[in-house]
Amino acid sequence: KSTRHRYACWGYNFDWQNRVTFVPRGEPNIICTTFAGNALLDAYEKHHNEEHLAIALSASEFLLHGLNITKSGDEICFSYTSRDYERVHNANLLGAAFLTRLYRHTRDERLLAYALSAAKFSINRQAPDGSWPYGEGPSQGWIDNFH
């Protein structure tokens, strides 16, 4: 868990590099944060500890206010980290899924609106064969079997 940010958020415990960006160890990202947020929701559903839900809500605020959000009409795409404006579909959809799951517990319409808008962004960029490119950037057009 990052101690440098206002909201609950997580990053990898190692530096990492993708095709265009270097990200230092501990830099929070949407992947680690949604994985941790979903684990907190698992714990909340099993033990009904309100602290788990509160931390998951804080993680949702990181998605909404700690990441960069690309807007396109009524669609949005969450960035991978607060350092970039990448539009990566698996990351965006993991964020949408987490917010939808959290909405089921809170009924916070704002979470659902962001989730549906993010899902719409990626759905509208799905290829006719059902695939997605990794992302929408000029160097992100590849299609693989794990994103």
N, C-alpha and C. Protein backbone atom coordinates (compact mmCIF):
# COMPACT_ATOMS: atom_id res chain seq x y z
N LYS A 1 0.86 -1.19 0.00
CA LYS A 1 0.00 0.00 0.00
C LYS A 1 0.89 1.23 0.00
N SER A 2 0.53 2.17 -0.83
CA SER A 2 1.30 3.41 -0.92
C SER A 2 1.01 4.30 0.28
N THR A 3 2.04 4.89 0.82
CA THR A 3 1.87 5.85 1.92
C THR A 3 2.01 7.28 1.41
N ARG A 4 2.25 7.44 0.12
CA ARG A 4 2.48 8.76 -0.46
C ARG A 4 1.22 9.38 -1.05
N HIS A 5 0.11 8.68 -0.99
CA HIS A 5 -1.11 9.17 -1.63
C HIS A 5 -2.23 9.31 -0.62
N ARG A 6 -3.14 10.17 -0.93
CA ARG A 6 -4.28 10.45 -0.05
C ARG A 6 -5.23 9.25 0.06
N TYR A 7 -5.36 8.51 -1.04
CA TYR A 7 -6.31 7.40 -1.09
C TYR A 7 -5.58 6.07 -0.99
N ALA A 8 -6.30 5.04 -0.61
CA ALA A 8 -5.72 3.69 -0.58
C ALA A 8 -5.39 3.28 -2.01
N CYS A 9 -4.15 2.89 -2.23
CA CYS A 9 -3.72 2.49 -3.57
C CYS A 9 -2.45 1.66 -3.44
N TRP A 10 -2.23 0.81 -4.43
CA TRP A 10 -1.13 -0.14 -4.38
C TRP A 10 -0.37 -0.15 -5.70
N GLY A 11 0.91 -0.53 -5.60
CA GLY A 11 1.76 -0.68 -6.77
C GLY A 11 2.62 -1.91 -6.62
N TYR A 12 3.39 -2.22 -7.63
CA TYR A 12 4.30 -3.37 -7.59
C TYR A 12 5.49 -3.06 -6.69
N ASN A 13 6.06 -4.10 -6.09
CA ASN A 13 7.22 -3.91 -5.22
C ASN A 13 8.53 -4.00 -6.00
N PHE A 14 8.47 -3.67 -7.28
CA PHE A 14 9.65 -3.66 -8.15
C PHE A 14 9.45 -2.61 -9.24
N ASP A 15 10.55 -2.09 -9.76
CA ASP A 15 10.48 -1.22 -10.93
C ASP A 15 9.97 -2.03 -12.11
N TRP A 16 9.28 -1.39 -13.03
CA TRP A 16 8.88 -2.10 -14.25
C TRP A 16 8.86 -1.15 -15.43
N GLN A 17 9.00 -1.75 -16.58
CA GLN A 17 9.09 -0.99 -17.82
C GLN A 17 8.17 -1.64 -18.84
N ASN A 18 7.36 -0.83 -19.53
CA ASN A 18 6.63 -1.35 -20.68
C ASN A 18 7.25 -0.74 -21.93
N ARG A 19 6.58 -0.79 -23.03
CA ARG A 19 7.18 -0.31 -24.29
C ARG A 19 7.47 1.18 -24.30
N VAL A 20 6.77 1.94 -23.49
CA VAL A 20 6.95 3.40 -23.55
C VAL A 20 7.21 4.07 -22.20
N THR A 21 6.99 3.38 -21.11
CA THR A 21 7.03 4.03 -19.80
C THR A 21 7.86 3.23 -18.80
N PHE A 22 8.64 3.92 -17.99
CA PHE A 22 9.31 3.32 -16.83
C PHE A 22 8.51 3.70 -15.60
N VAL A 23 8.21 2.73 -14.75
CA VAL A 23 7.45 2.99 -13.53
C VAL A 23 8.27 2.50 -12.34
N PRO A 24 8.57 3.39 -11.40
CA PRO A 24 9.38 2.98 -10.26
C PRO A 24 8.61 2.11 -9.27
N ARG A 25 9.36 1.34 -8.53
CA ARG A 25 8.82 0.48 -7.47
C ARG A 25 7.86 1.29 -6.59
N GLY A 26 6.72 0.68 -6.27
CA GLY A 26 5.77 1.28 -5.36
C GLY A 26 4.80 2.27 -5.97
N GLU A 27 5.02 2.67 -7.22
CA GLU A 27 4.11 3.62 -7.86
C GLU A 27 2.74 2.97 -8.02
N PRO A 28 1.69 3.53 -7.41
CA PRO A 28 0.37 2.91 -7.47
C PRO A 28 -0.15 2.82 -8.91
N ASN A 29 -0.88 1.75 -9.17
CA ASN A 29 -1.47 1.57 -10.50
C ASN A 29 -2.85 0.96 -10.36
N ILE A 30 -3.59 1.01 -11.44
CA ILE A 30 -4.97 0.54 -11.42
C ILE A 30 -5.06 -0.98 -11.24
N ILE A 31 -4.07 -1.72 -11.74
CA ILE A 31 -4.12 -3.18 -11.63
C ILE A 31 -3.99 -3.61 -10.17
N CYS A 32 -2.90 -3.21 -9.52
CA CYS A 32 -2.69 -3.60 -8.12
C CYS A 32 -3.80 -3.07 -7.22
N THR A 33 -4.25 -1.85 -7.49
CA THR A 33 -5.29 -1.26 -6.65
C THR A 33 -6.62 -1.99 -6.80
N THR A 34 -6.99 -2.38 -8.00
CA THR A 34 -8.25 -3.12 -8.15
C THR A 34 -8.13 -4.53 -7.57
N PHE A 35 -6.96 -5.16 -7.71
CA PHE A 35 -6.78 -6.49 -7.09
C PHE A 35 -6.93 -6.38 -5.57
N ALA A 36 -6.28 -5.39 -4.97
CA ALA A 36 -6.39 -5.20 -3.52
C ALA A 36 -7.81 -4.82 -3.13
N GLY A 37 -8.43 -3.94 -3.91
CA GLY A 37 -9.80 -3.54 -3.63
C GLY A 37 -10.77 -4.71 -3.68
N ASN A 38 -10.59 -5.59 -4.64
CA ASN A 38 -11.45 -6.79 -4.71
C ASN A 38 -11.19 -7.73 -3.55
N ALA A 39 -9.94 -7.84 -3.10
CA ALA A 39 -9.64 -8.66 -1.92
C ALA A 39 -10.32 -8.08 -0.69
N LEU A 40 -10.32 -6.77 -0.57
CA LEU A 40 -11.02 -6.12 0.54
C LEU A 40 -12.52 -6.38 0.47
N LEU A 41 -13.09 -6.36 -0.73
CA LEU A 41 -14.51 -6.67 -0.86
C LEU A 41 -14.80 -8.13 -0.54
N ASP A 42 -13.89 -9.04 -0.91
CA ASP A 42 -14.04 -10.44 -0.51
C ASP A 42 -14.10 -10.54 1.01
N ALA A 43 -13.17 -9.85 1.69
CA ALA A 43 -13.12 -9.88 3.15
C ALA A 43 -14.39 -9.27 3.74
N TYR A 44 -14.85 -8.17 3.16
CA TYR A 44 -16.07 -7.52 3.65
C TYR A 44 -17.27 -8.44 3.50
N GLU A 45 -17.38 -9.11 2.38
CA GLU A 45 -18.52 -10.01 2.15
C GLU A 45 -18.50 -11.20 3.10
N LYS A 46 -17.32 -11.63 3.50
CA LYS A 46 -17.21 -12.78 4.41
C LYS A 46 -17.37 -12.38 5.87
N HIS A 47 -16.75 -11.26 6.26
CA HIS A 47 -16.67 -10.91 7.68
C HIS A 47 -17.51 -9.70 8.08
N HIS A 48 -18.03 -8.97 7.11
CA HIS A 48 -18.88 -7.79 7.37
C HIS A 48 -18.18 -6.74 8.23
N ASN A 49 -16.87 -6.61 8.03
CA ASN A 49 -16.09 -5.60 8.74
C ASN A 49 -16.13 -4.31 7.92
N GLU A 50 -16.74 -3.28 8.48
CA GLU A 50 -16.91 -2.02 7.76
C GLU A 50 -15.58 -1.37 7.36
N GLU A 51 -14.51 -1.67 8.09
CA GLU A 51 -13.20 -1.11 7.74
C GLU A 51 -12.76 -1.60 6.36
N HIS A 52 -13.06 -2.86 6.04
CA HIS A 52 -12.71 -3.39 4.72
C HIS A 52 -13.43 -2.61 3.62
N LEU A 53 -14.69 -2.34 3.84
CA LEU A 53 -15.47 -1.57 2.86
C LEU A 53 -14.94 -0.14 2.75
N ALA A 54 -14.59 0.45 3.88
CA ALA A 54 -14.07 1.83 3.87
C ALA A 54 -12.77 1.93 3.08
N ILE A 55 -11.89 0.95 3.22
CA ILE A 55 -10.62 0.98 2.48
C ILE A 55 -10.88 0.74 1.00
N ALA A 56 -11.82 -0.15 0.67
CA ALA A 56 -12.18 -0.37 -0.73
C ALA A 56 -12.75 0.92 -1.34
N LEU A 57 -13.55 1.64 -0.58
CA LEU A 57 -14.08 2.92 -1.06
C LEU A 57 -12.96 3.93 -1.29
N SER A 58 -11.97 3.93 -0.41
CA SER A 58 -10.83 4.82 -0.61
C SER A 58 -10.08 4.44 -1.89
N ALA A 59 -9.96 3.14 -2.15
CA ALA A 59 -9.31 2.70 -3.40
C ALA A 59 -10.10 3.19 -4.61
N SER A 60 -11.42 3.21 -4.51
CA SER A 60 -12.22 3.72 -5.64
C SER A 60 -11.95 5.20 -5.86
N GLU A 61 -11.71 5.93 -4.80
CA GLU A 61 -11.40 7.35 -4.94
C GLU A 61 -10.06 7.55 -5.63
N PHE A 62 -9.12 6.61 -5.42
CA PHE A 62 -7.86 6.69 -6.16
C PHE A 62 -8.14 6.56 -7.66
N LEU A 63 -9.01 5.64 -8.05
CA LEU A 63 -9.35 5.51 -9.47
C LEU A 63 -9.96 6.81 -10.00
N LEU A 64 -10.86 7.40 -9.23
CA LEU A 64 -11.60 8.57 -9.70
C LEU A 64 -10.80 9.87 -9.63
N HIS A 65 -9.87 9.97 -8.67
CA HIS A 65 -9.17 11.24 -8.45
C HIS A 65 -7.65 11.14 -8.50
N GLY A 66 -7.11 9.94 -8.38
CA GLY A 66 -5.66 9.77 -8.38
C GLY A 66 -5.10 9.40 -9.73
N LEU A 67 -5.93 8.85 -10.59
CA LEU A 67 -5.51 8.48 -11.94
C LEU A 67 -5.93 9.57 -12.92
N ASN A 68 -5.36 9.53 -14.10
CA ASN A 68 -5.78 10.43 -15.17
C ASN A 68 -6.91 9.76 -15.94
N ILE A 69 -7.92 10.52 -16.24
CA ILE A 69 -9.08 9.98 -16.95
C ILE A 69 -9.20 10.67 -18.30
N THR A 70 -9.16 9.87 -19.35
CA THR A 70 -9.38 10.39 -20.70
C THR A 70 -10.88 10.39 -20.96
N LYS A 71 -11.42 11.52 -21.39
CA LYS A 71 -12.85 11.62 -21.68
C LYS A 71 -13.05 11.72 -23.18
N SER A 72 -14.05 11.00 -23.66
CA SER A 72 -14.42 11.03 -25.07
C SER A 72 -15.94 10.97 -25.13
N GLY A 73 -16.58 12.12 -25.23
CA GLY A 73 -18.04 12.15 -25.18
C GLY A 73 -18.52 11.66 -23.83
N ASP A 74 -19.37 10.63 -23.84
CA ASP A 74 -19.86 10.07 -22.59
C ASP A 74 -19.05 8.85 -22.15
N GLU A 75 -17.87 8.69 -22.70
CA GLU A 75 -16.99 7.57 -22.37
C GLU A 75 -15.76 8.09 -21.64
N ILE A 76 -15.22 7.23 -20.77
CA ILE A 76 -13.96 7.55 -20.11
C ILE A 76 -13.04 6.34 -20.17
N CYS A 77 -11.76 6.61 -19.97
CA CYS A 77 -10.78 5.53 -19.84
C CYS A 77 -9.82 5.91 -18.73
N PHE A 78 -9.67 5.02 -17.76
CA PHE A 78 -8.74 5.24 -16.65
C PHE A 78 -7.31 5.01 -17.12
N SER A 79 -6.39 5.84 -16.64
CA SER A 79 -4.97 5.62 -16.94
C SER A 79 -4.45 4.45 -16.10
N TYR A 80 -3.29 3.97 -16.46
CA TYR A 80 -2.65 2.86 -15.75
C TYR A 80 -2.08 3.35 -14.42
N THR A 81 -1.41 4.50 -14.45
CA THR A 81 -0.86 5.13 -13.25
C THR A 81 -1.21 6.61 -13.29
N SER A 82 -0.85 7.31 -12.22
CA SER A 82 -1.06 8.76 -12.21
C SER A 82 -0.02 9.48 -13.06
N ARG A 83 1.02 8.76 -13.52
CA ARG A 83 2.10 9.34 -14.31
C ARG A 83 1.80 9.34 -15.81
N ASP A 84 0.76 8.66 -16.24
CA ASP A 84 0.54 8.50 -17.68
C ASP A 84 -0.90 8.80 -18.06
N TYR A 85 -1.13 8.80 -19.35
CA TYR A 85 -2.47 8.95 -19.92
C TYR A 85 -2.76 7.79 -20.87
N GLU A 86 -2.13 6.65 -20.60
CA GLU A 86 -2.32 5.47 -21.45
C GLU A 86 -3.77 5.01 -21.37
N ARG A 87 -4.27 4.48 -22.48
CA ARG A 87 -5.63 3.95 -22.56
C ARG A 87 -5.52 2.46 -22.86
N VAL A 88 -5.45 1.67 -21.79
CA VAL A 88 -5.21 0.23 -21.87
C VAL A 88 -6.50 -0.48 -21.47
N HIS A 89 -7.02 -1.31 -22.36
CA HIS A 89 -8.36 -1.87 -22.15
C HIS A 89 -8.47 -2.80 -20.96
N ASN A 90 -7.52 -3.70 -20.75
CA ASN A 90 -7.68 -4.60 -19.61
C ASN A 90 -7.66 -3.81 -18.30
N ALA A 91 -6.81 -2.80 -18.21
CA ALA A 91 -6.74 -1.98 -17.01
C ALA A 91 -8.04 -1.19 -16.82
N ASN A 92 -8.53 -0.59 -17.88
CA ASN A 92 -9.76 0.18 -17.83
C ASN A 92 -10.94 -0.69 -17.39
N LEU A 93 -11.03 -1.89 -17.94
CA LEU A 93 -12.15 -2.78 -17.61
C LEU A 93 -12.03 -3.36 -16.21
N LEU A 94 -10.80 -3.59 -15.72
CA LEU A 94 -10.64 -4.00 -14.32
C LEU A 94 -11.14 -2.90 -13.39
N GLY A 95 -10.85 -1.65 -13.73
CA GLY A 95 -11.36 -0.54 -12.94
C GLY A 95 -12.88 -0.48 -12.96
N ALA A 96 -13.47 -0.65 -14.14
CA ALA A 96 -14.93 -0.63 -14.26
C ALA A 96 -15.56 -1.76 -13.46
N ALA A 97 -14.99 -2.94 -13.52
CA ALA A 97 -15.54 -4.09 -12.79
C ALA A 97 -15.47 -3.86 -11.28
N PHE A 98 -14.34 -3.33 -10.81
CA PHE A 98 -14.21 -3.05 -9.37
C PHE A 98 -15.24 -2.03 -8.92
N LEU A 99 -15.40 -0.95 -9.66
CA LEU A 99 -16.38 0.07 -9.28
C LEU A 99 -17.80 -0.49 -9.29
N THR A 100 -18.11 -1.36 -10.24
CA THR A 100 -19.44 -1.98 -10.29
C THR A 100 -19.67 -2.86 -9.07
N ARG A 101 -18.66 -3.63 -8.72
CA ARG A 101 -18.79 -4.50 -7.54
C ARG A 101 -18.96 -3.65 -6.27
N LEU A 102 -18.21 -2.59 -6.17
CA LEU A 102 -18.33 -1.71 -5.00
C LEU A 102 -19.70 -1.03 -4.97
N TYR A 103 -20.21 -0.68 -6.13
CA TYR A 103 -21.54 -0.08 -6.21
C TYR A 103 -22.60 -1.00 -5.60
N ARG A 104 -22.47 -2.29 -5.80
CA ARG A 104 -23.44 -3.24 -5.24
C ARG A 104 -23.55 -3.11 -3.73
N HIS A 105 -22.48 -2.69 -3.07
CA HIS A 105 -22.49 -2.56 -1.61
C HIS A 105 -22.86 -1.16 -1.15
N THR A 106 -22.58 -0.16 -1.95
CA THR A 106 -22.76 1.23 -1.51
C THR A 106 -23.96 1.92 -2.13
N ARG A 107 -24.36 1.48 -3.32
CA ARG A 107 -25.41 2.14 -4.12
C ARG A 107 -25.04 3.58 -4.45
N ASP A 108 -23.74 3.86 -4.48
CA ASP A 108 -23.25 5.18 -4.87
C ASP A 108 -23.33 5.28 -6.39
N GLU A 109 -24.30 6.03 -6.88
CA GLU A 109 -24.55 6.14 -8.32
C GLU A 109 -23.35 6.68 -9.09
N ARG A 110 -22.54 7.45 -8.43
CA ARG A 110 -21.34 8.00 -9.06
C ARG A 110 -20.40 6.87 -9.49
N LEU A 111 -20.24 5.85 -8.64
CA LEU A 111 -19.39 4.71 -8.98
C LEU A 111 -19.92 3.97 -10.20
N LEU A 112 -21.23 3.77 -10.23
CA LEU A 112 -21.84 3.07 -11.36
C LEU A 112 -21.69 3.88 -12.65
N ALA A 113 -21.86 5.18 -12.56
CA ALA A 113 -21.74 6.03 -13.75
C ALA A 113 -20.32 5.96 -14.33
N TYR A 114 -19.31 6.04 -13.48
CA TYR A 114 -17.93 5.91 -13.96
C TYR A 114 -17.70 4.53 -14.56
N ALA A 115 -18.19 3.50 -13.89
CA ALA A 115 -17.99 2.13 -14.37
C ALA A 115 -18.61 1.92 -15.74
N LEU A 116 -19.84 2.36 -15.91
CA LEU A 116 -20.52 2.18 -17.20
C LEU A 116 -19.86 2.99 -18.30
N SER A 117 -19.40 4.18 -17.97
CA SER A 117 -18.73 5.02 -18.96
C SER A 117 -17.40 4.40 -19.39
N ALA A 118 -16.66 3.82 -18.44
CA ALA A 118 -15.40 3.15 -18.77
C ALA A 118 -15.65 1.90 -19.60
N ALA A 119 -16.66 1.13 -19.22
CA ALA A 119 -16.98 -0.07 -20.00
C ALA A 119 -17.38 0.31 -21.42
N LYS A 120 -18.15 1.36 -21.56
CA LYS A 120 -18.58 1.81 -22.89
C LYS A 120 -17.38 2.19 -23.75
N PHE A 121 -16.38 2.84 -23.14
CA PHE A 121 -15.17 3.21 -23.88
C PHE A 121 -14.54 1.98 -24.52
N SER A 122 -14.33 0.94 -23.72
CA SER A 122 -13.67 -0.26 -24.25
C SER A 122 -14.58 -1.06 -25.18
N ILE A 123 -15.84 -1.17 -24.85
CA ILE A 123 -16.77 -1.92 -25.71
C ILE A 123 -16.82 -1.29 -27.11
N ASN A 124 -16.83 0.02 -27.16
CA ASN A 124 -16.91 0.70 -28.46
C ASN A 124 -15.63 0.61 -29.28
N ARG A 125 -14.59 0.05 -28.70
CA ARG A 125 -13.33 -0.12 -29.43
C ARG A 125 -12.99 -1.59 -29.68
N GLN A 126 -13.96 -2.45 -29.43
CA GLN A 126 -13.77 -3.88 -29.69
C GLN A 126 -13.83 -4.13 -31.19
N ALA A 127 -12.92 -4.97 -31.67
CA ALA A 127 -12.87 -5.30 -33.10
C ALA A 127 -14.02 -6.23 -33.48
N PRO A 128 -14.40 -6.29 -34.75
CA PRO A 128 -15.48 -7.17 -35.19
C PRO A 128 -15.25 -8.64 -34.83
N ASP A 129 -13.99 -9.07 -34.72
CA ASP A 129 -13.71 -10.47 -34.37
C ASP A 129 -13.75 -10.71 -32.86
N GLY A 130 -14.11 -9.68 -32.07
CA GLY A 130 -14.23 -9.82 -30.62
C GLY A 130 -12.97 -9.46 -29.85
N SER A 131 -11.90 -9.19 -30.53
CA SER A 131 -10.64 -8.86 -29.85
C SER A 131 -10.55 -7.36 -29.56
N TRP A 132 -9.59 -7.03 -28.72
CA TRP A 132 -9.23 -5.65 -28.46
C TRP A 132 -7.74 -5.50 -28.70
N PRO A 133 -7.32 -4.33 -29.15
CA PRO A 133 -5.89 -4.07 -29.09
C PRO A 133 -5.51 -3.91 -27.61
N TYR A 134 -4.25 -4.08 -27.29
CA TYR A 134 -3.81 -3.88 -25.91
C TYR A 134 -4.26 -2.51 -25.42
N GLY A 135 -4.07 -1.50 -26.23
CA GLY A 135 -4.45 -0.15 -25.85
C GLY A 135 -4.71 0.70 -27.07
N GLU A 136 -4.94 1.96 -26.84
CA GLU A 136 -5.30 2.88 -27.92
C GLU A 136 -4.14 3.77 -28.36
N GLY A 137 -2.98 3.62 -27.75
CA GLY A 137 -1.83 4.42 -28.15
C GLY A 137 -1.22 3.92 -29.45
N PRO A 138 -0.40 4.74 -30.10
CA PRO A 138 0.19 4.36 -31.38
C PRO A 138 1.07 3.11 -31.32
N SER A 139 1.63 2.80 -30.17
CA SER A 139 2.48 1.60 -30.05
C SER A 139 1.77 0.47 -29.31
N GLN A 140 0.43 0.53 -29.20
CA GLN A 140 -0.31 -0.45 -28.40
C GLN A 140 -1.33 -1.25 -29.20
N GLY A 141 -1.11 -1.40 -30.48
CA GLY A 141 -2.11 -2.05 -31.33
C GLY A 141 -2.05 -3.56 -31.38
N TRP A 142 -1.13 -4.18 -30.65
CA TRP A 142 -1.04 -5.64 -30.72
C TRP A 142 -2.20 -6.29 -29.98
N ILE A 143 -2.50 -7.51 -30.37
CA ILE A 143 -3.54 -8.31 -29.72
C ILE A 143 -2.85 -9.54 -29.15
N ASP A 144 -3.09 -9.80 -27.87
CA ASP A 144 -2.50 -10.98 -27.24
C ASP A 144 -3.59 -11.78 -26.52
N ASN A 145 -3.19 -12.83 -25.85
CA ASN A 145 -4.19 -13.71 -25.23
C ASN A 145 -4.20 -13.61 -23.71
N PHE A 146 -3.60 -12.58 -23.14
CA PHE A 146 -3.62 -12.49 -21.68
C PHE A 146 -3.98 -11.11 -21.16
N HIS A 147 -4.33 -10.19 -21.99
CA HIS A 147 -4.76 -8.88 -21.51
C HIS A 147 -6.24 -8.70 -21.78
